[in-house]
Structure formats: C-alpha cells, structure tokens
Amino acid sequence: MPGNPQPNRSGNHSKKRRRGWLPITGVLLCGLLLIPDALLKAPARSGHGPLSVTLHVAVTDRNGEPVENLQAADFQIFEKKKLQKVTRVRFERNVPVSLGILVDVSKSMEGVGIRLALKLLNRLATKLESPDELFVNAFSNESQELLDYIAPEDYLEDAIENLGTGGRPHMGLALDLALIKLRAASNTNRAVLFISAGRDIAGPATLDHIARHRYPVYALGIQGAISFRTRLKILNVKGSALKVYTDHSGGSVYFVETEEEAAGALEMLPYQLKNRFALEYLSTHPERDGKSRKIRVAVSHPQYQVRHLKQYEAPRR
C-alpha cells in the first residue's frame, strides 16, 4: 500500500514507530483478495472434485465460559441449508495471533471515550507476547497508521498519546484497510479489534470482504461515548456496525463504560484470539465460482453457544 512501510520480517520484531499520523490510502482490489488457506487445498485446475473447507469456531457454555472438550459428533455444519459431513475436528490452543487494532478517534469519542479507549489498548498490549504481533490504526473520516507491525513487548505507548478527535467514524473503510493489511501478517491466525463507540452502520460491501478474508472481528464498545438518543439514530435493523461485523465474522463484542468494567473482557479477549476449534468438511457445493455461501454451525448441547463465520467466499477457478 503506498506510503506504508513493509512489516519487519527479521524474526526479532524490532521496534517501529511513526512520528505523527501517516494517512493510509489505497484502492480496494477487485476480485478475490485472499483465498483461505484451507480452500487452497482443493484442486484449482477445474471446477470439479471435492472442496475442503475449514471453519474456526468458538463454543461457550451458558455462563460464557469456553468449552474445549467436543468431538466431531458434537457438531453439525450446514452450507446453503444442506447438512455437510464433518471430516475432522481439532482444538487449537494458544495459537500466535496477528492483531490489527482500530481505535475510533471520531467526534463521538471525544473526552472520556478516547481516554478510556487508550487505557484499554495499553492494558491489552500487556496481555500478548511474541510471536504475537499487532498494528494500530486510528480512524474517523479516514484511517491513520499509528504503529506498524510490532511485538507486544515492544509496544510504544507514547506513540498513541494525545490523540485528537473529530469527524465521522467510517468504520467500514477502516475495517476494509485492516483486512488487507493483515495479508502481510507473520502469523496465519489473524484478527481485527475495534475500540469504538460504534457510531456507524454496517456496509454490505464490508460484509462481503469479511466473507472473502474470513478473519474474525472483535470489539470493545465504549458505551458512554454517545447519548442514548444518538445511539438510536445510528442503528439499522441489525444494530450498530460493531455488533454486525463481530456477529458476521464469528468474533464478539463487549460493551463497557469504565476501565473496571472492562477487566473481564480484557481477560477473555486474549483467550478468544488464540484458542478455537477448527472444523473441516468437504463441501457438497464444489463449484469454484467465487460466490458467497451461507453456513451455520450447531452443537448437540443446547446450552452451548457457537460463534462462527456466517458466510465464506468460494475460490475461483
């Protein structure tokens, strides 16, 4: 992307710092930006033959506690409403993560909101460690790079101090650019985290980009940043962008008003980012047509809840 330095790949995650904000510009690429690794296993020379799909899902009990001891027989996967055969299930534990953090600096975050956002960001950075890595962008009308890929222990707190606020939060654009930037990440496990008041609605094009990249989106929603009346005005039938993006991608959102209230979320987030089930199945729709396919995952235990990607984009021939 023009104007952005390439991530450090020396293996030691040397410190990187940006003096001031560098505007992130670029044009969203047409066509398939990224084919998921699991989908690349399928033959690409023709539109025939089995299509292997891997989904990463999270399962919690009725108290929100993670569940880890499930087998293939405990899951059902439906693609385009048709039951699929699960071929393999494994629980991936403590997988290194590359995390893109998007800090809302729009007018809706001025005052208490932005101060809380920066405190939460600082605390989260202390809960990750190499080979985890992160980058930090700020966004309002446009997206601004604060920190390029950096090891959590090299996190530079002063690089994000004294952020000004103003403008409207263009959350879809910020997420689109973060999804593209994650293509250069060191780890195969990749995710995005919003720290935002969520004063925006979800755009359908960005939902398509989530299906294309398949990276989960998480969010810390700053509840006190906007009034209740304003909140009602910005919701569409599905809710704010924070909820729509996280639900669609298989991530989760925590709404908080104080640093103390966020303590539980900050304990749970690192676990969610690095621990998940991987479900593999052979799709009954083997066409390599680049179209989105809706999926649903269910578990045999009715008291359990499952978070997963709601649709994926098939590879092209």
Protein backbone atom coordinates (compact mmCIF):
# COMPACT_ATOMS: atom_id res chain seq x y z
CA MET A 1 0.00 0.00 0.00
CA PRO A 2 1.51 3.35 -0.96
CA GLY A 3 3.10 5.25 1.87
CA ASN A 4 3.14 2.32 4.26
CA PRO A 5 6.44 0.65 5.19
CA GLN A 6 6.56 -3.10 4.91
CA PRO A 7 6.33 -5.09 8.13
CA ASN A 8 9.58 -6.22 9.68
CA ARG A 9 10.24 -9.85 8.93
CA SER A 10 13.66 -10.23 10.54
CA GLY A 11 12.21 -12.53 13.20
CA ASN A 12 13.10 -10.35 16.19
CA HIS A 13 10.20 -7.86 15.94
CA SER A 14 12.35 -4.78 16.21
CA LYS A 15 10.70 -1.56 17.40
CA LYS A 16 8.85 0.57 14.90
CA ARG A 17 7.42 4.00 15.44
CA ARG A 18 5.66 6.56 13.35
CA ARG A 19 6.16 10.25 14.15
CA GLY A 20 2.73 11.73 13.60
CA TRP A 21 -0.01 10.19 11.57
CA LEU A 22 0.50 8.79 8.11
CA PRO A 23 -2.69 8.67 6.02
CA ILE A 24 -3.48 5.25 4.72
CA THR A 25 -4.60 5.41 1.12
CA GLY A 26 -5.29 2.74 -1.40
CA VAL A 27 -7.82 1.23 -3.74
CA LEU A 28 -9.73 -1.88 -2.78
CA LEU A 29 -8.67 -4.58 -5.18
CA CYS A 30 -11.28 -6.09 -7.44
CA GLY A 31 -11.90 -9.82 -7.41
CA LEU A 32 -10.61 -12.26 -4.83
CA LEU A 33 -8.24 -10.56 -2.41
CA LEU A 34 -7.47 -13.68 -0.42
CA ILE A 35 -8.36 -17.33 -0.74
CA PRO A 36 -8.41 -19.02 2.69
CA ASP A 37 -5.60 -21.49 3.24
CA ALA A 38 -7.97 -24.38 3.75
CA LEU A 39 -9.73 -23.68 0.47
CA LEU A 40 -6.42 -23.75 -1.39
CA LYS A 41 -6.19 -27.45 -0.59
CA ALA A 42 -8.89 -28.13 -3.18
CA PRO A 43 -7.91 -28.73 -6.82
CA ALA A 44 -7.74 -25.46 -8.71
CA ARG A 45 -7.42 -26.66 -12.30
CA SER A 46 -11.08 -27.39 -12.78
CA GLY A 47 -14.45 -26.70 -11.24
CA HIS A 48 -14.89 -30.36 -10.21
CA GLY A 49 -13.84 -32.51 -7.28
CA PRO A 50 -14.27 -32.06 -3.54
CA LEU A 51 -13.81 -28.68 -1.91
CA SER A 52 -12.23 -28.85 1.54
CA VAL A 53 -13.36 -26.11 3.92
CA THR A 54 -12.01 -25.29 7.37
CA LEU A 55 -14.01 -23.19 9.81
CA HIS A 56 -12.74 -21.78 13.08
CA VAL A 57 -15.44 -21.64 15.74
CA ALA A 58 -15.69 -20.79 19.43
CA VAL A 59 -18.01 -22.59 21.85
CA THR A 60 -19.11 -21.29 25.26
CA ASP A 61 -21.47 -22.57 27.94
CA ARG A 62 -24.45 -20.67 29.37
CA ASN A 63 -22.11 -18.73 31.69
CA GLY A 64 -19.90 -17.59 28.82
CA GLU A 65 -17.08 -19.94 29.80
CA PRO A 66 -15.14 -21.56 26.91
CA VAL A 67 -15.79 -25.20 26.03
CA GLU A 68 -12.90 -27.30 24.70
CA ASN A 69 -13.82 -30.99 25.00
CA LEU A 70 -16.05 -31.56 21.97
CA GLN A 71 -15.69 -34.15 19.21
CA ALA A 72 -16.80 -34.31 15.56
CA ALA A 73 -20.09 -35.97 16.55
CA ASP A 74 -20.97 -32.91 18.63
CA PHE A 75 -21.05 -30.57 15.61
CA GLN A 76 -23.36 -30.10 12.67
CA ILE A 77 -22.43 -27.85 9.73
CA PHE A 78 -24.96 -26.60 7.20
CA GLU A 79 -23.89 -24.92 3.97
CA LYS A 80 -26.70 -23.29 1.99
CA LYS A 81 -29.05 -25.13 4.40
CA LYS A 82 -27.63 -28.52 3.42
CA LEU A 83 -26.01 -30.73 6.06
CA GLN A 84 -22.28 -31.28 5.50
CA LYS A 85 -20.11 -34.18 6.64
CA VAL A 86 -17.55 -33.14 9.24
CA THR A 87 -14.28 -34.89 8.44
CA ARG A 88 -12.09 -33.57 11.24
CA VAL A 89 -12.29 -31.55 14.46
CA ARG A 90 -9.37 -30.30 16.49
CA PHE A 91 -8.96 -27.73 19.24
CA GLU A 92 -6.16 -25.27 18.53
CA ARG A 93 -4.63 -23.95 21.72
CA ASN A 94 -2.54 -20.79 22.26
CA VAL A 95 -2.03 -20.11 18.53
CA PRO A 96 0.08 -16.95 17.90
CA VAL A 97 -2.08 -14.10 16.62
CA SER A 98 -1.52 -11.12 14.35
CA LEU A 99 -3.96 -8.46 15.55
CA GLY A 100 -4.99 -5.24 13.85
CA ILE A 101 -6.34 -2.74 16.41
CA LEU A 102 -8.60 0.06 15.17
CA VAL A 103 -9.06 3.00 17.54
CA ASP A 104 -12.05 5.27 16.96
CA VAL A 105 -11.00 8.96 17.09
CA SER A 106 -14.25 10.39 15.71
CA LYS A 107 -16.18 13.16 17.47
CA SER A 108 -18.30 10.52 19.23
CA MET A 109 -15.19 9.51 21.24
CA GLU A 110 -14.11 12.92 22.49
CA GLY A 111 -13.28 13.37 26.16
CA VAL A 112 -13.89 10.33 28.36
CA GLY A 113 -14.33 7.97 25.41
CA ILE A 114 -10.87 8.37 23.88
CA ARG A 115 -9.15 8.31 27.27
CA LEU A 116 -10.83 5.01 28.11
CA ALA A 117 -10.01 3.59 24.67
CA LEU A 118 -6.29 4.28 25.11
CA LYS A 119 -6.26 2.75 28.61
CA LEU A 120 -7.86 -0.42 27.27
CA LEU A 121 -5.38 -0.58 24.39
CA ASN A 122 -2.44 -0.24 26.76
CA ARG A 123 -3.73 -2.99 29.03
CA LEU A 124 -4.44 -5.35 26.15
CA ALA A 125 -0.90 -4.98 24.79
CA THR A 126 0.49 -6.28 28.09
CA LYS A 127 -1.52 -9.49 27.75
CA LEU A 128 0.07 -10.55 24.45
CA GLU A 129 3.63 -11.63 23.75
CA SER A 130 5.85 -12.72 20.85
CA PRO A 131 5.33 -14.37 18.46
CA ASP A 132 2.06 -12.44 18.68
CA GLU A 133 2.18 -9.14 16.81
CA LEU A 134 -0.07 -6.12 16.41
CA PHE A 135 -0.55 -2.95 14.44
CA VAL A 136 -2.59 0.09 15.48
CA ASN A 137 -4.63 2.38 13.23
CA ALA A 138 -6.79 5.34 14.25
CA PHE A 139 -9.87 6.18 12.20
CA SER A 140 -12.54 8.78 11.74
CA ASN A 141 -13.17 10.19 8.25
CA GLU A 142 -10.05 8.35 7.08
CA SER A 143 -7.72 5.74 8.54
CA GLN A 144 -4.37 6.76 10.03
CA GLU A 145 -1.45 4.48 10.86
CA LEU A 146 -0.09 4.87 14.38
CA LEU A 147 2.05 1.73 14.71
CA ASP A 148 3.09 -0.74 12.04
CA TYR A 149 3.54 -4.44 12.90
CA ILE A 150 5.26 -4.64 16.25
CA ALA A 151 5.82 -7.19 19.01
CA PRO A 152 3.57 -6.62 22.04
CA GLU A 153 6.56 -6.26 24.35
CA ASP A 154 7.92 -3.54 22.04
CA TYR A 155 4.62 -1.66 22.16
CA LEU A 156 5.22 2.09 22.25
CA GLU A 157 2.61 3.67 24.49
CA ASP A 158 3.69 7.24 23.78
CA ALA A 159 3.01 6.74 20.05
CA ILE A 160 -0.74 6.86 20.70
CA GLU A 161 -0.91 9.53 23.39
CA ASN A 162 -2.70 12.85 22.92
CA LEU A 163 -4.88 11.75 20.03
CA GLY A 164 -7.27 14.42 18.82
CA THR A 165 -10.89 13.59 17.97
CA GLY A 166 -13.24 14.81 15.27
CA GLY A 167 -15.18 13.82 12.19
CA ARG A 168 -17.40 10.83 11.50
CA PRO A 169 -16.37 7.22 12.13
CA HIS A 170 -16.06 5.47 8.76
CA MET A 171 -15.84 2.01 10.28
CA GLY A 172 -16.29 0.07 7.05
CA LEU A 173 -13.34 1.74 5.36
CA ALA A 174 -11.17 1.27 8.45
CA LEU A 175 -12.02 -2.43 8.57
CA ASP A 176 -11.52 -2.94 4.82
CA LEU A 177 -7.99 -1.48 5.00
CA ALA A 178 -7.16 -3.53 8.12
CA LEU A 179 -8.27 -6.76 6.43
CA ILE A 180 -5.98 -6.02 3.50
CA LYS A 181 -3.07 -5.12 5.79
CA LEU A 182 -3.44 -8.44 7.62
CA ARG A 183 -2.43 -10.19 4.40
CA ALA A 184 1.17 -9.20 5.27
CA ALA A 185 0.99 -10.63 8.81
CA SER A 186 3.55 -13.13 10.09
CA ASN A 187 1.00 -15.46 11.72
CA THR A 188 -1.72 -17.42 9.95
CA ASN A 189 -4.09 -16.69 12.85
CA ARG A 190 -5.28 -13.12 12.17
CA ALA A 191 -7.97 -10.90 13.65
CA VAL A 192 -9.19 -7.31 13.95
CA LEU A 193 -10.19 -5.48 17.15
CA PHE A 194 -12.30 -2.30 17.18
CA ILE A 195 -12.15 0.04 20.18
CA SER A 196 -15.03 2.30 19.30
CA ALA A 197 -18.34 3.89 20.21
CA GLY A 198 -19.80 2.11 17.19
CA ARG A 199 -21.47 5.21 15.78
CA ASP A 200 -21.91 3.80 12.31
CA ILE A 201 -23.94 1.21 10.43
CA ALA A 202 -22.52 -1.82 8.66
CA GLY A 203 -22.00 -1.60 4.91
CA PRO A 204 -22.84 -4.65 2.76
CA ALA A 205 -19.56 -4.37 0.81
CA THR A 206 -17.58 -4.76 4.02
CA LEU A 207 -19.61 -7.85 4.94
CA ASP A 208 -18.53 -9.30 1.59
CA HIS A 209 -14.91 -8.51 2.44
CA ILE A 210 -15.26 -10.33 5.76
CA ALA A 211 -16.54 -13.39 3.87
CA ARG A 212 -13.59 -13.13 1.48
CA HIS A 213 -10.85 -12.83 4.13
CA ARG A 214 -12.54 -14.87 6.90
CA TYR A 215 -10.73 -13.06 9.73
CA PRO A 216 -12.77 -12.68 12.94
CA VAL A 217 -13.61 -9.18 14.16
CA TYR A 218 -13.77 -8.34 17.86
CA ALA A 219 -14.79 -5.12 19.55
CA LEU A 220 -14.65 -3.19 22.79
CA GLY A 221 -17.66 -0.90 22.57
CA ILE A 222 -17.32 2.34 24.55
CA GLN A 223 -20.89 2.74 25.77
CA GLY A 224 -20.65 6.14 27.43
CA ALA A 225 -19.21 7.86 24.37
CA ILE A 226 -22.57 8.78 22.83
CA SER A 227 -26.05 9.53 24.13
CA PHE A 228 -28.91 7.05 24.04
CA ARG A 229 -30.84 9.24 21.55
CA THR A 230 -27.86 9.36 19.22
CA ARG A 231 -27.41 5.61 19.55
CA LEU A 232 -30.96 5.01 18.36
CA LYS A 233 -30.42 7.19 15.30
CA ILE A 234 -27.38 5.26 14.11
CA LEU A 235 -28.81 1.77 14.35
CA ASN A 236 -30.14 -0.08 11.35
CA VAL A 237 -32.37 -3.13 11.64
CA LYS A 238 -29.39 -5.31 12.52
CA GLY A 239 -27.78 -2.99 15.05
CA SER A 240 -24.60 -0.94 15.08
CA ALA A 241 -21.60 -1.81 12.94
CA LEU A 242 -19.78 -3.24 15.97
CA LYS A 243 -22.40 -5.91 16.51
CA VAL A 244 -22.99 -6.67 12.84
CA TYR A 245 -19.30 -7.03 11.96
CA THR A 246 -18.48 -9.17 15.00
CA ASP A 247 -21.52 -11.44 14.59
CA HIS A 248 -20.93 -11.87 10.86
CA SER A 249 -17.27 -12.78 11.30
CA GLY A 250 -17.56 -15.11 14.30
CA GLY A 251 -15.97 -12.65 16.75
CA SER A 252 -17.53 -10.98 19.79
CA VAL A 253 -18.23 -7.52 21.20
CA TYR A 254 -18.03 -6.29 24.79
CA PHE A 255 -19.76 -3.01 25.69
CA VAL A 256 -18.08 -1.22 28.60
CA GLU A 257 -18.28 2.18 30.27
CA THR A 258 -15.33 2.07 32.69
CA GLU A 259 -11.88 0.53 32.89
CA GLU A 260 -13.01 -1.62 35.82
CA GLU A 261 -15.99 -2.89 33.86
CA ALA A 262 -13.66 -3.88 31.01
CA ALA A 263 -11.48 -6.08 33.23
CA GLY A 264 -13.39 -9.27 32.39
CA ALA A 265 -13.35 -8.54 28.67
CA LEU A 266 -9.61 -7.93 28.72
CA GLU A 267 -9.09 -11.31 30.38
CA MET A 268 -11.31 -13.12 27.89
CA LEU A 269 -10.15 -11.45 24.67
CA PRO A 270 -6.59 -12.88 24.56
CA TYR A 271 -8.01 -16.36 25.09
CA GLN A 272 -10.57 -15.92 22.31
CA LEU A 273 -7.93 -14.58 19.95
CA LYS A 274 -5.65 -17.59 20.40
CA ASN A 275 -7.87 -20.60 21.15
CA ARG A 276 -10.54 -22.08 18.88
CA PHE A 277 -11.97 -25.21 17.27
CA ALA A 278 -11.04 -25.99 13.67
CA LEU A 279 -13.79 -27.90 11.84
CA GLU A 280 -13.06 -29.44 8.44
CA TYR A 281 -15.63 -30.69 5.95
CA LEU A 282 -15.98 -31.47 2.24
CA SER A 283 -18.48 -29.07 0.72
CA THR A 284 -21.38 -30.54 -1.26
CA HIS A 285 -21.08 -27.43 -3.46
CA PRO A 286 -17.70 -27.91 -5.19
CA GLU A 287 -18.12 -25.12 -7.75
CA ARG A 288 -15.19 -22.66 -7.88
CA ASP A 289 -17.39 -19.71 -8.75
CA GLY A 290 -16.23 -17.04 -6.27
CA LYS A 291 -19.73 -16.76 -4.81
CA SER A 292 -20.58 -16.36 -1.12
CA ARG A 293 -22.08 -19.34 0.68
CA LYS A 294 -24.02 -19.09 3.89
CA ILE A 295 -23.05 -21.51 6.65
CA ARG A 296 -24.44 -22.44 10.05
CA VAL A 297 -22.83 -24.46 12.82
CA ALA A 298 -24.77 -26.16 15.61
CA VAL A 299 -23.70 -28.25 18.59
CA SER A 300 -25.52 -31.17 20.21
CA HIS A 301 -25.57 -29.47 23.61
CA PRO A 302 -28.49 -26.99 23.64
CA GLN A 303 -26.96 -24.94 26.47
CA TYR A 304 -23.84 -24.19 24.44
CA GLN A 305 -23.44 -21.21 22.13
CA VAL A 306 -21.35 -21.20 18.95
CA ARG A 307 -19.67 -18.22 17.27
CA HIS A 308 -18.59 -18.72 13.68
CA LEU A 309 -18.22 -17.06 10.30
CA LYS A 310 -21.69 -16.69 8.76
CA GLN A 311 -20.62 -16.99 5.12
CA TYR A 312 -17.45 -17.56 3.10
CA GLU A 313 -16.46 -16.82 -0.46
CA ALA A 314 -15.69 -19.84 -2.61
CA PRO A 315 -12.41 -19.86 -4.55
CA ARG A 316 -12.38 -19.04 -8.24
CA ARG A 317 -11.24 -21.46 -10.91
